[in-house]
Amino acid sequence: MSDRGNRGSRGGRGDRGSRGRGDHGGRGGHSSSTEKKNILDLAKYMDKSITVKFNGGREVTGILKGHDQLMNLVLDNVKEITRDDEGNMSTRSLGLLVARGTLLVLISPEDGSEEIENPFVQADDDE
């Protein structure tokens, strides 16, 4: 019939039960000499004021004191910015904050950024 039983390894894939580990041998498969680089260079924002928006809509501003490869942030002098239904802003002081990197949506510096009008919104013509 078929020779499924003669393959020698379970499931018919790989040699000697390698189970998809490849040539790395062992767990992880990364060599210790390679270092992951972040997409963002947050070192240039150290000890500077930044705005951080989180998954779920929360927004805070604070001074960046530390970060790691997983984009976890440590912010000091943090103020949470809340907006009500009419668009009125209010702030509350949070002090020191450790923000988990998986929840970050946006990181922007306070210096050199300003809000502009949306150039893609069509003006309403009353014709």
C-alpha atoms as a PDB file:
ATOM      1  CA  MET A   1       0.000   0.000   0.000  1.00  0.00           C
ATOM      2  CA  SER A   2       1.959   2.943   1.274  1.00  0.00           C
ATOM      3  CA  ASP A   3       5.336   3.111   2.919  1.00  0.00           C
ATOM      4  CA  ARG A   4       4.382   5.559   5.679  1.00  0.00           C
ATOM      5  CA  GLY A   5       5.700   3.301   8.376  1.00  0.00           C
ATOM      6  CA  ASN A   6       9.170   3.055   6.791  1.00  0.00           C
ATOM      7  CA  ARG A   7      10.139   6.722   6.993  1.00  0.00           C
ATOM      8  CA  GLY A   8      11.892   6.478  10.324  1.00  0.00           C
ATOM      9  CA  SER A   9      10.648   9.718  11.844  1.00  0.00           C
ATOM     10  CA  ARG A  10       7.346  10.658  13.322  1.00  0.00           C
ATOM     11  CA  GLY A  11       5.025  12.481  10.971  1.00  0.00           C
ATOM     12  CA  GLY A  12       7.295  11.937   7.992  1.00  0.00           C
ATOM     13  CA  ARG A  13       9.210  15.202   8.161  1.00  0.00           C
ATOM     14  CA  GLY A  14      12.727  16.029   9.189  1.00  0.00           C
ATOM     15  CA  ASP A  15      15.609  13.758  10.010  1.00  0.00           C
ATOM     16  CA  ARG A  16      16.081  12.027  13.353  1.00  0.00           C
ATOM     17  CA  GLY A  17      13.215  13.905  15.006  1.00  0.00           C
ATOM     18  CA  SER A  18      14.631  17.400  14.556  1.00  0.00           C
ATOM     19  CA  ARG A  19      11.155  18.941  15.029  1.00  0.00           C
ATOM     20  CA  GLY A  20      11.955  22.082  13.059  1.00  0.00           C
ATOM     21  CA  ARG A  21      14.881  23.378  15.063  1.00  0.00           C
ATOM     22  CA  GLY A  22      17.040  23.930  12.023  1.00  0.00           C
ATOM     23  CA  ASP A  23      20.824  24.092  12.319  1.00  0.00           C
ATOM     24  CA  HIS A  24      20.883  26.251  15.436  1.00  0.00           C
ATOM     25  CA  GLY A  25      20.883  23.329  17.840  1.00  0.00           C
ATOM     26  CA  GLY A  26      19.074  24.075  21.031  1.00  0.00           C
ATOM     27  CA  ARG A  27      16.694  26.752  22.118  1.00  0.00           C
ATOM     28  CA  GLY A  28      16.419  30.225  20.673  1.00  0.00           C
ATOM     29  CA  GLY A  29      18.641  29.787  17.657  1.00  0.00           C
ATOM     30  CA  HIS A  30      20.227  33.233  17.993  1.00  0.00           C
ATOM     31  CA  SER A  31      23.935  33.679  18.332  1.00  0.00           C
ATOM     32  CA  SER A  32      25.080  35.757  21.270  1.00  0.00           C
ATOM     33  CA  SER A  33      27.185  38.071  19.097  1.00  0.00           C
ATOM     34  CA  THR A  34      24.233  39.591  17.233  1.00  0.00           C
ATOM     35  CA  GLU A  35      22.333  42.366  18.963  1.00  0.00           C
ATOM     36  CA  LYS A  36      18.820  43.411  18.027  1.00  0.00           C
ATOM     37  CA  LYS A  37      18.404  47.057  17.103  1.00  0.00           C
ATOM     38  CA  ASN A  38      15.222  48.990  17.743  1.00  0.00           C
ATOM     39  CA  ILE A  39      13.353  50.660  14.929  1.00  0.00           C
ATOM     40  CA  LEU A  40      13.314  53.877  16.967  1.00  0.00           C
ATOM     41  CA  ASP A  41      16.464  55.410  18.394  1.00  0.00           C
ATOM     42  CA  LEU A  42      15.044  56.479  21.740  1.00  0.00           C
ATOM     43  CA  ALA A  43      18.484  57.387  23.107  1.00  0.00           C
ATOM     44  CA  LYS A  44      18.231  60.819  21.480  1.00  0.00           C
ATOM     45  CA  TYR A  45      15.050  61.513  23.488  1.00  0.00           C
ATOM     46  CA  MET A  46      16.559  60.625  26.885  1.00  0.00           C
ATOM     47  CA  ASP A  47      15.844  63.307  29.523  1.00  0.00           C
ATOM     48  CA  LYS A  48      13.523  65.090  27.069  1.00  0.00           C
ATOM     49  CA  SER A  49       9.775  65.516  27.175  1.00  0.00           C
ATOM     50  CA  ILE A  50       7.784  63.108  24.971  1.00  0.00           C
ATOM     51  CA  THR A  51       4.129  62.302  24.338  1.00  0.00           C
ATOM     52  CA  VAL A  52       3.040  58.660  24.419  1.00  0.00           C
ATOM     53  CA  LYS A  53      -0.316  57.343  23.195  1.00  0.00           C
ATOM     54  CA  PHE A  54      -1.452  53.922  24.355  1.00  0.00           C
ATOM     55  CA  ASN A  55      -3.638  51.204  22.946  1.00  0.00           C
ATOM     56  CA  GLY A  56      -7.108  52.063  24.243  1.00  0.00           C
ATOM     57  CA  GLY A  57      -6.806  55.831  23.825  1.00  0.00           C
ATOM     58  CA  ARG A  58      -4.874  57.032  26.870  1.00  0.00           C
ATOM     59  CA  GLU A  59      -2.283  59.741  26.325  1.00  0.00           C
ATOM     60  CA  VAL A  60       0.522  60.910  28.619  1.00  0.00           C
ATOM     61  CA  THR A  61       3.417  63.344  28.493  1.00  0.00           C
ATOM     62  CA  GLY A  62       6.578  62.990  30.535  1.00  0.00           C
ATOM     63  CA  ILE A  63      10.362  62.980  30.577  1.00  0.00           C
ATOM     64  CA  LEU A  64      11.953  59.829  29.166  1.00  0.00           C
ATOM     65  CA  LYS A  65      14.278  58.327  31.774  1.00  0.00           C
ATOM     66  CA  GLY A  66      14.857  54.850  30.349  1.00  0.00           C
ATOM     67  CA  HIS A  67      13.884  52.226  27.756  1.00  0.00           C
ATOM     68  CA  ASP A  68      14.756  48.693  26.678  1.00  0.00           C
ATOM     69  CA  GLN A  69      14.679  46.560  23.522  1.00  0.00           C
ATOM     70  CA  LEU A  70      11.026  45.663  24.056  1.00  0.00           C
ATOM     71  CA  MET A  71      10.136  49.386  23.944  1.00  0.00           C
ATOM     72  CA  ASN A  72       9.208  49.431  27.628  1.00  0.00           C
ATOM     73  CA  LEU A  73       9.562  53.046  28.782  1.00  0.00           C
ATOM     74  CA  VAL A  74      10.262  54.746  32.092  1.00  0.00           C
ATOM     75  CA  LEU A  75       8.821  58.270  32.242  1.00  0.00           C
ATOM     76  CA  ASP A  76       9.080  60.833  35.043  1.00  0.00           C
ATOM     77  CA  ASN A  77       6.890  63.870  35.812  1.00  0.00           C
ATOM     78  CA  VAL A  78       4.068  62.191  33.878  1.00  0.00           C
ATOM     79  CA  LYS A  79       0.806  63.971  33.209  1.00  0.00           C
ATOM     80  CA  GLU A  80      -2.170  62.096  31.746  1.00  0.00           C
ATOM     81  CA  ILE A  81      -4.173  64.086  29.209  1.00  0.00           C
ATOM     82  CA  THR A  82      -7.895  63.333  29.074  1.00  0.00           C
ATOM     83  CA  ARG A  83     -10.492  64.731  26.712  1.00  0.00           C
ATOM     84  CA  ASP A  84     -14.236  64.756  27.276  1.00  0.00           C
ATOM     85  CA  ASP A  85     -16.961  64.415  24.637  1.00  0.00           C
ATOM     86  CA  GLU A  86     -16.852  68.129  23.800  1.00  0.00           C
ATOM     87  CA  GLY A  87     -13.076  68.060  23.282  1.00  0.00           C
ATOM     88  CA  ASN A  88     -12.135  69.856  26.505  1.00  0.00           C
ATOM     89  CA  MET A  89      -8.730  68.775  27.810  1.00  0.00           C
ATOM     90  CA  SER A  90      -7.799  68.155  31.420  1.00  0.00           C
ATOM     91  CA  THR A  91      -4.614  66.761  32.957  1.00  0.00           C
ATOM     92  CA  ARG A  92      -3.728  64.854  36.090  1.00  0.00           C
ATOM     93  CA  SER A  93      -0.297  64.184  37.516  1.00  0.00           C
ATOM     94  CA  LEU A  94       0.861  60.550  37.692  1.00  0.00           C
ATOM     95  CA  GLY A  95       4.516  60.999  38.731  1.00  0.00           C
ATOM     96  CA  LEU A  96       6.783  58.093  37.716  1.00  0.00           C
ATOM     97  CA  LEU A  97       5.424  55.674  35.095  1.00  0.00           C
ATOM     98  CA  VAL A  98       6.646  52.395  33.606  1.00  0.00           C
ATOM     99  CA  ALA A  99       4.921  51.842  30.253  1.00  0.00           C
ATOM    100  CA  ARG A 100       4.793  48.389  28.692  1.00  0.00           C
ATOM    101  CA  GLY A 101       6.075  48.402  25.124  1.00  0.00           C
ATOM    102  CA  THR A 102       3.322  46.204  23.672  1.00  0.00           C
ATOM    103  CA  LEU A 103       0.703  48.828  24.584  1.00  0.00           C
ATOM    104  CA  LEU A 104       2.393  51.785  22.860  1.00  0.00           C
ATOM    105  CA  VAL A 105       0.777  53.215  19.754  1.00  0.00           C
ATOM    106  CA  LEU A 106       2.680  56.482  19.296  1.00  0.00           C
ATOM    107  CA  ILE A 107       5.807  58.117  20.705  1.00  0.00           C
ATOM    108  CA  SER A 108       6.511  61.716  19.730  1.00  0.00           C
ATOM    109  CA  PRO A 109       8.841  64.412  21.054  1.00  0.00           C
ATOM    110  CA  GLU A 110       7.281  67.521  22.577  1.00  0.00           C
ATOM    111  CA  ASP A 111       9.851  69.842  20.976  1.00  0.00           C
ATOM    112  CA  GLY A 112       9.340  70.584  17.311  1.00  0.00           C
ATOM    113  CA  SER A 113       5.860  69.147  16.926  1.00  0.00           C
ATOM    114  CA  GLU A 114       2.658  71.042  16.361  1.00  0.00           C
ATOM    115  CA  GLU A 115      -0.870  70.199  15.314  1.00  0.00           C
ATOM    116  CA  ILE A 116      -1.834  71.076  11.733  1.00  0.00           C
ATOM    117  CA  GLU A 117      -5.091  70.999   9.800  1.00  0.00           C
ATOM    118  CA  ASN A 118      -5.867  67.823   7.892  1.00  0.00           C
ATOM    119  CA  PRO A 119      -4.917  68.535   4.239  1.00  0.00           C
ATOM    120  CA  PHE A 120      -7.105  65.660   2.989  1.00  0.00           C
ATOM    121  CA  VAL A 121     -10.420  66.933   4.330  1.00  0.00           C
ATOM    122  CA  GLN A 122     -12.607  68.304   1.568  1.00  0.00           C
ATOM    123  CA  ALA A 123     -14.154  71.715   2.233  1.00  0.00           C
ATOM    124  CA  ASP A 124     -17.961  71.664   2.315  1.00  0.00           C
ATOM    125  CA  ASP A 125     -19.336  73.530  -0.691  1.00  0.00           C
ATOM    126  CA  ASP A 126     -22.859  74.895  -0.220  1.00  0.00           C
ATOM    127  CA  GLU A 127     -23.884  75.068  -3.865  1.00  0.00           C
END
